[in-house]
């Protein structure tokens, strides 16, 4: 099964997304991580596509989406929520499940809360956070800033692939073909002919100008939908004390939250193997069985 490629006008920008599955099926939004693209979700989307309409956007400044004209103001969760609200409307999405890796989980949380975009309240029926939480470890954020703000450039695609294999080793097992696809779907060529990751380096301004943008307990506490947090067992971004707090407050205190540690992964599980699919399938089946 192959996806269709969509270009949607959201908040004044052309946003690219891949779309999988039948148009009449229940919708899953699958949103990627900070320095990645929507194509990271290909394996999961292919698995879900027989039963779901799966939308995998490239965030502003990533992949084939436009880059921000005002990076200081627009590379932040509140603007990403505005993009998502327009995406829902432009694609005619009434309700959707949300699966978000890292940054994609943060975007899903602020969208589901409705605090930034009230028109989204009630339209996200479940939230799967893939190694994301309402508070992220400071040391890990510093690590991410160090590499994301100054992406390397290489003479060859194979050199870039070797870099990706090193940096994203915490994703867990990927086949050689999956590593090659990850590389080819997140590579752009510079004017001097070298290759570099396919994102706007200015997106790191989310951290330099909005230091607490990912401290979103107020959004989390406002949630009233089922939440599954998949924590990479070796994650340095989502700490066990944070997931414990998630279970004790907000939707966790109301029994709506479950945390599962994913073995063999750090930040963040690639959602590309049967064990990962089983976690996603089980959660979606439970939510739909409960009528959410």
C-alpha atoms as a PDB file:
ATOM      1  CA  UNK A   1       0.000   0.000   0.000  1.00  0.00           C
ATOM      2  CA  UNK A   2       1.284   3.444  -0.946  1.00  0.00           C
ATOM      3  CA  UNK A   3       0.258   6.834   0.478  1.00  0.00           C
ATOM      4  CA  UNK A   4      -1.063   9.843  -1.348  1.00  0.00           C
ATOM      5  CA  UNK A   5       0.807  13.106  -0.980  1.00  0.00           C
ATOM      6  CA  UNK A   6      -1.208  16.118   0.150  1.00  0.00           C
ATOM      7  CA  UNK A   7      -0.368  19.825   0.308  1.00  0.00           C
ATOM      8  CA  UNK A   8      -2.682  21.784   2.607  1.00  0.00           C
ATOM      9  CA  UNK A   9      -2.828  25.513   3.347  1.00  0.00           C
ATOM     10  CA  UNK A  10      -2.556  25.870   7.140  1.00  0.00           C
ATOM     11  CA  UNK A  11      -2.032  29.152   9.009  1.00  0.00           C
ATOM     12  CA  UNK A  12      -0.768  30.771   5.822  1.00  0.00           C
ATOM     13  CA  UNK A  13       1.733  28.026   4.959  1.00  0.00           C
ATOM     14  CA  UNK A  14       1.825  25.063   2.611  1.00  0.00           C
ATOM     15  CA  UNK A  15       1.984  21.983   4.822  1.00  0.00           C
ATOM     16  CA  UNK A  16       2.773  18.591   3.357  1.00  0.00           C
ATOM     17  CA  UNK A  17       1.244  15.364   4.627  1.00  0.00           C
ATOM     18  CA  UNK A  18       1.066  11.779   3.493  1.00  0.00           C
ATOM     19  CA  UNK A  19      -2.325  10.095   3.697  1.00  0.00           C
ATOM     20  CA  UNK A  20      -2.878   6.366   3.983  1.00  0.00           C
ATOM     21  CA  UNK A  21      -5.938   4.133   4.020  1.00  0.00           C
ATOM     22  CA  UNK A  22      -9.573   4.512   2.978  1.00  0.00           C
ATOM     23  CA  UNK A  23     -11.032   8.036   3.234  1.00  0.00           C
ATOM     24  CA  UNK A  24     -14.140   6.833   5.080  1.00  0.00           C
ATOM     25  CA  UNK A  25     -12.220   5.003   7.844  1.00  0.00           C
ATOM     26  CA  UNK A  26     -11.637   6.334  11.381  1.00  0.00           C
ATOM     27  CA  UNK A  27      -8.810   8.867  11.391  1.00  0.00           C
ATOM     28  CA  UNK A  28      -5.406   8.589  13.033  1.00  0.00           C
ATOM     29  CA  UNK A  29      -3.089  11.597  13.099  1.00  0.00           C
ATOM     30  CA  UNK A  30       0.516  10.378  13.341  1.00  0.00           C
ATOM     31  CA  UNK A  31       2.867  13.285  14.121  1.00  0.00           C
ATOM     32  CA  UNK A  32       6.660  13.009  14.051  1.00  0.00           C
ATOM     33  CA  UNK A  33       9.439  14.211  16.349  1.00  0.00           C
ATOM     34  CA  UNK A  34      11.429  17.441  16.539  1.00  0.00           C
ATOM     35  CA  UNK A  35      14.053  17.082  13.801  1.00  0.00           C
ATOM     36  CA  UNK A  36      12.240  14.483  11.754  1.00  0.00           C
ATOM     37  CA  UNK A  37       9.520  14.285   9.085  1.00  0.00           C
ATOM     38  CA  UNK A  38       6.150  12.635   8.680  1.00  0.00           C
ATOM     39  CA  UNK A  39       7.741   9.837   6.673  1.00  0.00           C
ATOM     40  CA  UNK A  40       9.044   8.399   9.952  1.00  0.00           C
ATOM     41  CA  UNK A  41       5.496   7.143  10.401  1.00  0.00           C
ATOM     42  CA  UNK A  42       5.440   5.132   7.155  1.00  0.00           C
ATOM     43  CA  UNK A  43       5.799   1.706   8.765  1.00  0.00           C
ATOM     44  CA  UNK A  44       3.130   2.338  11.390  1.00  0.00           C
ATOM     45  CA  UNK A  45       0.818   3.980   8.846  1.00  0.00           C
ATOM     46  CA  UNK A  46       1.192   1.039   6.466  1.00  0.00           C
ATOM     47  CA  UNK A  47       0.244  -1.294   9.306  1.00  0.00           C
ATOM     48  CA  UNK A  48      -2.806   0.755  10.292  1.00  0.00           C
ATOM     49  CA  UNK A  49      -3.977   1.661   6.781  1.00  0.00           C
ATOM     50  CA  UNK A  50      -6.258  -1.354   6.206  1.00  0.00           C
ATOM     51  CA  UNK A  51      -8.408  -0.121   9.116  1.00  0.00           C
ATOM     52  CA  UNK A  52      -7.710   3.610   9.459  1.00  0.00           C
ATOM     53  CA  UNK A  53      -7.262   6.779   7.473  1.00  0.00           C
ATOM     54  CA  UNK A  54      -3.786   7.811   8.650  1.00  0.00           C
ATOM     55  CA  UNK A  55      -2.540  11.388   8.216  1.00  0.00           C
ATOM     56  CA  UNK A  56       1.213  11.993   8.688  1.00  0.00           C
ATOM     57  CA  UNK A  57       2.083  15.714   8.449  1.00  0.00           C
ATOM     58  CA  UNK A  58       5.468  17.337   8.015  1.00  0.00           C
ATOM     59  CA  UNK A  59       5.611  20.068  10.650  1.00  0.00           C
ATOM     60  CA  UNK A  60       6.361  23.626   9.548  1.00  0.00           C
ATOM     61  CA  UNK A  61      10.082  23.767   8.718  1.00  0.00           C
ATOM     62  CA  UNK A  62      10.424  20.020   8.212  1.00  0.00           C
ATOM     63  CA  UNK A  63      10.334  17.758   5.185  1.00  0.00           C
ATOM     64  CA  UNK A  64       8.314  19.165   2.296  1.00  0.00           C
ATOM     65  CA  UNK A  65       6.421  21.753   4.337  1.00  0.00           C
ATOM     66  CA  UNK A  66       7.311  25.412   4.036  1.00  0.00           C
ATOM     67  CA  UNK A  67       9.783  26.997   6.427  1.00  0.00           C
ATOM     68  CA  UNK A  68       8.624  29.686   8.842  1.00  0.00           C
ATOM     69  CA  UNK A  69       8.931  33.326   7.877  1.00  0.00           C
ATOM     70  CA  UNK A  70       8.946  34.238  11.583  1.00  0.00           C
ATOM     71  CA  UNK A  71      10.934  31.450  13.259  1.00  0.00           C
ATOM     72  CA  UNK A  72      11.144  33.115  16.669  1.00  0.00           C
ATOM     73  CA  UNK A  73       7.357  33.330  16.925  1.00  0.00           C
ATOM     74  CA  UNK A  74       6.172  30.304  14.960  1.00  0.00           C
ATOM     75  CA  UNK A  75       8.451  27.426  15.920  1.00  0.00           C
ATOM     76  CA  UNK A  76       6.533  26.705  19.118  1.00  0.00           C
ATOM     77  CA  UNK A  77       3.693  24.512  20.328  1.00  0.00           C
ATOM     78  CA  UNK A  78       0.999  27.188  20.209  1.00  0.00           C
ATOM     79  CA  UNK A  79       1.602  27.801  16.491  1.00  0.00           C
ATOM     80  CA  UNK A  80       1.852  24.096  15.748  1.00  0.00           C
ATOM     81  CA  UNK A  81      -1.584  23.734  17.346  1.00  0.00           C
ATOM     82  CA  UNK A  82      -2.871  26.391  14.962  1.00  0.00           C
ATOM     83  CA  UNK A  83      -1.460  24.386  12.047  1.00  0.00           C
ATOM     84  CA  UNK A  84      -3.165  21.262  13.364  1.00  0.00           C
ATOM     85  CA  UNK A  85      -6.531  23.022  13.739  1.00  0.00           C
ATOM     86  CA  UNK A  86      -6.396  24.150  10.119  1.00  0.00           C
ATOM     87  CA  UNK A  87      -5.272  20.664   9.059  1.00  0.00           C
ATOM     88  CA  UNK A  88      -8.375  19.158  10.697  1.00  0.00           C
ATOM     89  CA  UNK A  89     -10.634  21.637   8.945  1.00  0.00           C
ATOM     90  CA  UNK A  90      -8.968  21.483   5.524  1.00  0.00           C
ATOM     91  CA  UNK A  91      -9.064  17.675   5.473  1.00  0.00           C
ATOM     92  CA  UNK A  92     -12.618  17.485   6.830  1.00  0.00           C
ATOM     93  CA  UNK A  93     -11.608  15.636   9.998  1.00  0.00           C
ATOM     94  CA  UNK A  94     -14.288  15.683  12.677  1.00  0.00           C
ATOM     95  CA  UNK A  95     -12.606  13.369  15.184  1.00  0.00           C
ATOM     96  CA  UNK A  96      -9.273  11.550  15.290  1.00  0.00           C
ATOM     97  CA  UNK A  97      -6.979   9.446  17.387  1.00  0.00           C
ATOM     98  CA  UNK A  98      -3.563  11.091  17.848  1.00  0.00           C
ATOM     99  CA  UNK A  99      -0.214   9.279  17.891  1.00  0.00           C
ATOM    100  CA  UNK A 100       2.717  11.596  18.539  1.00  0.00           C
ATOM    101  CA  UNK A 101       6.421  10.861  18.804  1.00  0.00           C
ATOM    102  CA  UNK A 102       8.359  13.280  21.042  1.00  0.00           C
ATOM    103  CA  UNK A 103       7.425  16.760  19.751  1.00  0.00           C
ATOM    104  CA  UNK A 104       4.414  15.210  18.026  1.00  0.00           C
ATOM    105  CA  UNK A 105       3.179  14.078  21.417  1.00  0.00           C
ATOM    106  CA  UNK A 106       3.556  17.576  22.815  1.00  0.00           C
ATOM    107  CA  UNK A 107       1.585  18.978  19.889  1.00  0.00           C
ATOM    108  CA  UNK A 108      -1.114  16.368  20.462  1.00  0.00           C
ATOM    109  CA  UNK A 109      -1.352  17.242  24.150  1.00  0.00           C
ATOM    110  CA  UNK A 110      -1.837  20.972  23.581  1.00  0.00           C
ATOM    111  CA  UNK A 111      -4.302  20.285  20.761  1.00  0.00           C
ATOM    112  CA  UNK A 112      -6.358  17.842  22.830  1.00  0.00           C
ATOM    113  CA  UNK A 113      -6.511  20.209  25.803  1.00  0.00           C
ATOM    114  CA  UNK A 114      -8.115  22.919  23.679  1.00  0.00           C
ATOM    115  CA  UNK A 115      -6.342  25.647  25.651  1.00  0.00           C
ATOM    116  CA  UNK A 116      -4.596  27.029  22.546  1.00  0.00           C
ATOM    117  CA  UNK A 117      -7.237  26.078  19.977  1.00  0.00           C
ATOM    118  CA  UNK A 118     -10.654  25.685  21.642  1.00  0.00           C
ATOM    119  CA  UNK A 119     -12.170  24.410  18.381  1.00  0.00           C
ATOM    120  CA  UNK A 120     -10.100  21.224  18.771  1.00  0.00           C
ATOM    121  CA  UNK A 121     -11.532  20.372  22.180  1.00  0.00           C
ATOM    122  CA  UNK A 122     -13.359  17.045  21.902  1.00  0.00           C
ATOM    123  CA  UNK A 123     -12.088  16.302  18.392  1.00  0.00           C
ATOM    124  CA  UNK A 124      -9.096  14.247  19.567  1.00  0.00           C
ATOM    125  CA  UNK A 125     -10.549  11.093  21.072  1.00  0.00           C
ATOM    126  CA  UNK A 126      -7.368   9.414  22.305  1.00  0.00           C
ATOM    127  CA  UNK A 127      -3.724  10.343  22.716  1.00  0.00           C
ATOM    128  CA  UNK A 128      -0.706   8.073  22.381  1.00  0.00           C
ATOM    129  CA  UNK A 129       2.485   9.757  23.588  1.00  0.00           C
ATOM    130  CA  UNK A 130       5.552   8.038  22.149  1.00  0.00           C
ATOM    131  CA  UNK A 131       8.321   8.938  24.607  1.00  0.00           C
ATOM    132  CA  UNK A 132       6.777  12.283  25.408  1.00  0.00           C
ATOM    133  CA  UNK A 133       5.441  13.732  28.658  1.00  0.00           C
ATOM    134  CA  UNK A 134       4.289  17.064  30.103  1.00  0.00           C
ATOM    135  CA  UNK A 135       7.801  17.600  31.457  1.00  0.00           C
ATOM    136  CA  UNK A 136      11.008  16.647  29.657  1.00  0.00           C
ATOM    137  CA  UNK A 137      14.399  16.108  31.269  1.00  0.00           C
ATOM    138  CA  UNK A 138      16.598  19.201  31.109  1.00  0.00           C
ATOM    139  CA  UNK A 139      19.802  17.301  30.337  1.00  0.00           C
ATOM    140  CA  UNK A 140      18.197  15.555  27.367  1.00  0.00           C
ATOM    141  CA  UNK A 141      16.809  18.841  26.053  1.00  0.00           C
ATOM    142  CA  UNK A 142      20.319  20.288  26.135  1.00  0.00           C
ATOM    143  CA  UNK A 143      21.567  17.280  24.172  1.00  0.00           C
ATOM    144  CA  UNK A 144      18.872  17.736  21.553  1.00  0.00           C
ATOM    145  CA  UNK A 145      19.574  21.467  21.230  1.00  0.00           C
ATOM    146  CA  UNK A 146      23.255  20.745  20.708  1.00  0.00           C
ATOM    147  CA  UNK A 147      22.714  18.636  17.597  1.00  0.00           C
ATOM    148  CA  UNK A 148      19.416  19.997  16.243  1.00  0.00           C
ATOM    149  CA  UNK A 149      20.504  23.628  15.971  1.00  0.00           C
ATOM    150  CA  UNK A 150      23.604  22.838  13.937  1.00  0.00           C
ATOM    151  CA  UNK A 151      22.794  19.945  11.617  1.00  0.00           C
ATOM    152  CA  UNK A 152      25.885  18.432  10.008  1.00  0.00           C
ATOM    153  CA  UNK A 153      26.502  18.292   6.276  1.00  0.00           C
ATOM    154  CA  UNK A 154      28.155  15.454   4.384  1.00  0.00           C
ATOM    155  CA  UNK A 155      29.473  14.892   0.896  1.00  0.00           C
ATOM    156  CA  UNK A 156      27.457  11.715   0.399  1.00  0.00           C
ATOM    157  CA  UNK A 157      24.104  10.273   1.365  1.00  0.00           C
ATOM    158  CA  UNK A 158      25.821   7.187   2.792  1.00  0.00           C
ATOM    159  CA  UNK A 159      27.782   9.378   5.195  1.00  0.00           C
ATOM    160  CA  UNK A 160      24.539  11.007   6.308  1.00  0.00           C
ATOM    161  CA  UNK A 161      23.000   7.559   6.780  1.00  0.00           C
ATOM    162  CA  UNK A 162      25.904   6.574   9.030  1.00  0.00           C
ATOM    163  CA  UNK A 163      25.257   9.724  11.082  1.00  0.00           C
ATOM    164  CA  UNK A 164      21.552   8.891  11.386  1.00  0.00           C
ATOM    165  CA  UNK A 165      22.351   5.331  12.467  1.00  0.00           C
ATOM    166  CA  UNK A 166      24.499   6.702  15.275  1.00  0.00           C
ATOM    167  CA  UNK A 167      22.250   9.533  16.456  1.00  0.00           C
ATOM    168  CA  UNK A 168      19.009   7.520  16.247  1.00  0.00           C
ATOM    169  CA  UNK A 169      20.357   4.268  17.657  1.00  0.00           C
ATOM    170  CA  UNK A 170      17.944   4.717  20.616  1.00  0.00           C
ATOM    171  CA  UNK A 171      15.035   4.170  18.183  1.00  0.00           C
ATOM    172  CA  UNK A 172      15.673   0.444  18.577  1.00  0.00           C
ATOM    173  CA  UNK A 173      15.929  -2.118  15.792  1.00  0.00           C
ATOM    174  CA  UNK A 174      15.587  -0.946  12.197  1.00  0.00           C
ATOM    175  CA  UNK A 175      16.319  -3.080   9.156  1.00  0.00           C
ATOM    176  CA  UNK A 176      18.909  -1.882   6.646  1.00  0.00           C
ATOM    177  CA  UNK A 177      16.048  -0.997   4.306  1.00  0.00           C
ATOM    178  CA  UNK A 178      14.364   1.057   7.033  1.00  0.00           C
ATOM    179  CA  UNK A 179      17.586   2.942   7.772  1.00  0.00           C
ATOM    180  CA  UNK A 180      17.931   3.691   4.072  1.00  0.00           C
ATOM    181  CA  UNK A 181      14.344   4.922   3.863  1.00  0.00           C
ATOM    182  CA  UNK A 182      14.750   7.050   6.981  1.00  0.00           C
ATOM    183  CA  UNK A 183      17.777   8.655   5.347  1.00  0.00           C
ATOM    184  CA  UNK A 184      16.300   9.197   1.915  1.00  0.00           C
ATOM    185  CA  UNK A 185      13.054  10.671   3.272  1.00  0.00           C
ATOM    186  CA  UNK A 186      14.856  13.182   5.502  1.00  0.00           C
ATOM    187  CA  UNK A 187      17.701  14.444   3.321  1.00  0.00           C
ATOM    188  CA  UNK A 188      18.081  17.729   1.466  1.00  0.00           C
ATOM    189  CA  UNK A 189      20.960  18.944  -0.659  1.00  0.00           C
ATOM    190  CA  UNK A 190      22.678  22.230   0.143  1.00  0.00           C
ATOM    191  CA  UNK A 191      23.739  24.813  -2.475  1.00  0.00           C
ATOM    192  CA  UNK A 192      27.299  23.496  -2.272  1.00  0.00           C
ATOM    193  CA  UNK A 193      26.115  19.995  -3.149  1.00  0.00           C
ATOM    194  CA  UNK A 194      26.460  18.425   0.280  1.00  0.00           C
ATOM    195  CA  UNK A 195      23.550  16.726   2.038  1.00  0.00           C
ATOM    196  CA  UNK A 196      22.026  17.526   5.426  1.00  0.00           C
ATOM    197  CA  UNK A 197      18.907  16.614   7.432  1.00  0.00           C
ATOM    198  CA  UNK A 198      15.721  17.967   5.884  1.00  0.00           C
ATOM    199  CA  UNK A 199      14.677  20.646   8.351  1.00  0.00           C
ATOM    200  CA  UNK A 200      15.107  24.342   9.077  1.00  0.00           C
ATOM    201  CA  UNK A 201      17.875  24.762  11.686  1.00  0.00           C
ATOM    202  CA  UNK A 202      16.014  27.822  12.981  1.00  0.00           C
ATOM    203  CA  UNK A 203      13.385  25.505  14.490  1.00  0.00           C
ATOM    204  CA  UNK A 204      15.722  25.226  17.493  1.00  0.00           C
ATOM    205  CA  UNK A 205      14.559  28.735  18.412  1.00  0.00           C
ATOM    206  CA  UNK A 206      11.652  26.982  20.110  1.00  0.00           C
ATOM    207  CA  UNK A 207      14.130  26.279  22.901  1.00  0.00           C
ATOM    208  CA  UNK A 208      16.119  29.509  22.866  1.00  0.00           C
ATOM    209  CA  UNK A 209      13.089  31.839  22.854  1.00  0.00           C
ATOM    210  CA  UNK A 210      10.497  29.629  24.569  1.00  0.00           C
ATOM    211  CA  UNK A 211      12.509  27.806  27.193  1.00  0.00           C
ATOM    212  CA  UNK A 212       9.498  26.232  28.923  1.00  0.00           C
ATOM    213  CA  UNK A 213       7.479  25.448  25.811  1.00  0.00           C
ATOM    214  CA  UNK A 214       7.428  21.742  26.651  1.00  0.00           C
ATOM    215  CA  UNK A 215       6.460  22.256  30.285  1.00  0.00           C
ATOM    216  CA  UNK A 216       2.769  21.622  29.641  1.00  0.00           C
ATOM    217  CA  UNK A 217       1.253  20.220  32.827  1.00  0.00           C
ATOM    218  CA  UNK A 218      -1.652  22.650  32.520  1.00  0.00           C
ATOM    219  CA  UNK A 219      -2.574  21.154  29.147  1.00  0.00           C
ATOM    220  CA  UNK A 220      -2.107  17.611  30.440  1.00  0.00           C
ATOM    221  CA  UNK A 221      -4.261  18.268  33.513  1.00  0.00           C
ATOM    222  CA  UNK A 222      -7.069  19.504  31.230  1.00  0.00           C
ATOM    223  CA  UNK A 223      -7.249  16.230  29.294  1.00  0.00           C
ATOM    224  CA  UNK A 224     -10.333  14.025  29.658  1.00  0.00           C
ATOM    225  CA  UNK A 225      -9.467  11.349  27.079  1.00  0.00           C
ATOM    226  CA  UNK A 226      -7.591   8.015  27.257  1.00  0.00           C
ATOM    227  CA  UNK A 227      -3.814   8.435  27.166  1.00  0.00           C
ATOM    228  CA  UNK A 228      -1.140   5.813  26.557  1.00  0.00           C
ATOM    229  CA  UNK A 229       2.453   6.847  27.247  1.00  0.00           C
ATOM    230  CA  UNK A 230       5.082   4.614  25.660  1.00  0.00           C
ATOM    231  CA  UNK A 231       8.358   5.275  27.434  1.00  0.00           C
ATOM    232  CA  UNK A 232      11.555   3.964  25.893  1.00  0.00           C
ATOM    233  CA  UNK A 233      13.095   1.881  28.663  1.00  0.00           C
ATOM    234  CA  UNK A 234      16.424   3.700  28.251  1.00  0.00           C
ATOM    235  CA  UNK A 235      14.930   7.130  27.530  1.00  0.00           C
ATOM    236  CA  UNK A 236      16.811  10.113  28.930  1.00  0.00           C
ATOM    237  CA  UNK A 237      14.018  12.497  27.919  1.00  0.00           C
ATOM    238  CA  UNK A 238      11.021  11.022  29.769  1.00  0.00           C
ATOM    239  CA  UNK A 239      12.048  10.055  33.287  1.00  0.00           C
ATOM    240  CA  UNK A 240      10.282   7.468  35.490  1.00  0.00           C
ATOM    241  CA  UNK A 241       9.447  10.098  38.090  1.00  0.00           C
ATOM    242  CA  UNK A 242       7.621  12.071  35.404  1.00  0.00           C
ATOM    243  CA  UNK A 243       5.498   9.131  34.296  1.00  0.00           C
ATOM    244  CA  UNK A 244       4.733   8.429  37.959  1.00  0.00           C
ATOM    245  CA  UNK A 245       3.437  11.986  38.285  1.00  0.00           C
ATOM    246  CA  UNK A 246       1.380  11.520  35.114  1.00  0.00           C
ATOM    247  CA  UNK A 247      -0.388   8.592  36.751  1.00  0.00           C
ATOM    248  CA  UNK A 248      -1.103  10.596  39.907  1.00  0.00           C
ATOM    249  CA  UNK A 249      -2.579  13.798  38.492  1.00  0.00           C
ATOM    250  CA  UNK A 250      -4.938  15.116  35.829  1.00  0.00           C
ATOM    251  CA  UNK A 251      -6.324  12.328  33.636  1.00  0.00           C
ATOM    252  CA  UNK A 252      -4.027   9.867  35.423  1.00  0.00           C
ATOM    253  CA  UNK A 253      -5.826  10.440  38.702  1.00  0.00           C
ATOM    254  CA  UNK A 254      -9.082   9.649  36.895  1.00  0.00           C
ATOM    255  CA  UNK A 255      -7.784   6.328  35.571  1.00  0.00           C
ATOM    256  CA  UNK A 256      -7.453   7.483  31.969  1.00  0.00           C
ATOM    257  CA  UNK A 257      -3.675   7.074  31.657  1.00  0.00           C
ATOM    258  CA  UNK A 258      -1.507   4.022  31.187  1.00  0.00           C
ATOM    259  CA  UNK A 259       2.302   3.939  30.949  1.00  0.00           C
ATOM    260  CA  UNK A 260       4.186   1.136  29.205  1.00  0.00           C
ATOM    261  CA  UNK A 261       7.960   0.836  29.046  1.00  0.00           C
ATOM    262  CA  UNK A 262       9.229  -0.303  25.652  1.00  0.00           C
ATOM    263  CA  UNK A 263      12.302  -2.530  25.982  1.00  0.00           C
ATOM    264  CA  UNK A 264      15.328  -2.129  23.730  1.00  0.00           C
ATOM    265  CA  UNK A 265      14.621   1.541  23.023  1.00  0.00           C
ATOM    266  CA  UNK A 266      15.569   4.957  24.323  1.00  0.00           C
ATOM    267  CA  UNK A 267      14.258   8.141  22.757  1.00  0.00           C
ATOM    268  CA  UNK A 268      12.124   7.257  20.940  1.00  0.00           C
ATOM    269  CA  UNK A 269      10.697   3.863  19.886  1.00  0.00           C
ATOM    270  CA  UNK A 270      10.489   3.731  16.093  1.00  0.00           C
ATOM    271  CA  UNK A 271       7.004   2.145  16.096  1.00  0.00           C
ATOM    272  CA  UNK A 272       8.161  -0.151  13.310  1.00  0.00           C
ATOM    273  CA  UNK A 273       8.062  -3.735  14.634  1.00  0.00           C
ATOM    274  CA  UNK A 274       5.245  -6.132  15.614  1.00  0.00           C
ATOM    275  CA  UNK A 275       5.707  -5.568  19.349  1.00  0.00           C
ATOM    276  CA  UNK A 276       5.192  -1.830  18.852  1.00  0.00           C
ATOM    277  CA  UNK A 277       2.221  -2.388  16.547  1.00  0.00           C
ATOM    278  CA  UNK A 278       0.607  -4.590  19.194  1.00  0.00           C
ATOM    279  CA  UNK A 279       0.782  -1.771  21.751  1.00  0.00           C
ATOM    280  CA  UNK A 280      -0.808   0.678  19.314  1.00  0.00           C
ATOM    281  CA  UNK A 281      -3.458  -1.784  18.156  1.00  0.00           C
ATOM    282  CA  UNK A 282      -4.369  -2.741  21.709  1.00  0.00           C
ATOM    283  CA  UNK A 283      -4.777   0.880  22.755  1.00  0.00           C
ATOM    284  CA  UNK A 284      -6.905   1.833  19.752  1.00  0.00           C
ATOM    285  CA  UNK A 285      -9.082  -1.258  20.183  1.00  0.00           C
ATOM    286  CA  UNK A 286      -9.585  -0.478  23.866  1.00  0.00           C
ATOM    287  CA  UNK A 287     -10.524   3.120  23.127  1.00  0.00           C
ATOM    288  CA  UNK A 288     -12.931   2.206  20.352  1.00  0.00           C
ATOM    289  CA  UNK A 289     -14.411  -0.590  22.456  1.00  0.00           C
ATOM    290  CA  UNK A 290     -15.162   1.972  25.146  1.00  0.00           C
ATOM    291  CA  UNK A 291     -16.956   4.125  22.572  1.00  0.00           C
ATOM    292  CA  UNK A 292     -14.421   6.963  22.693  1.00  0.00           C
END
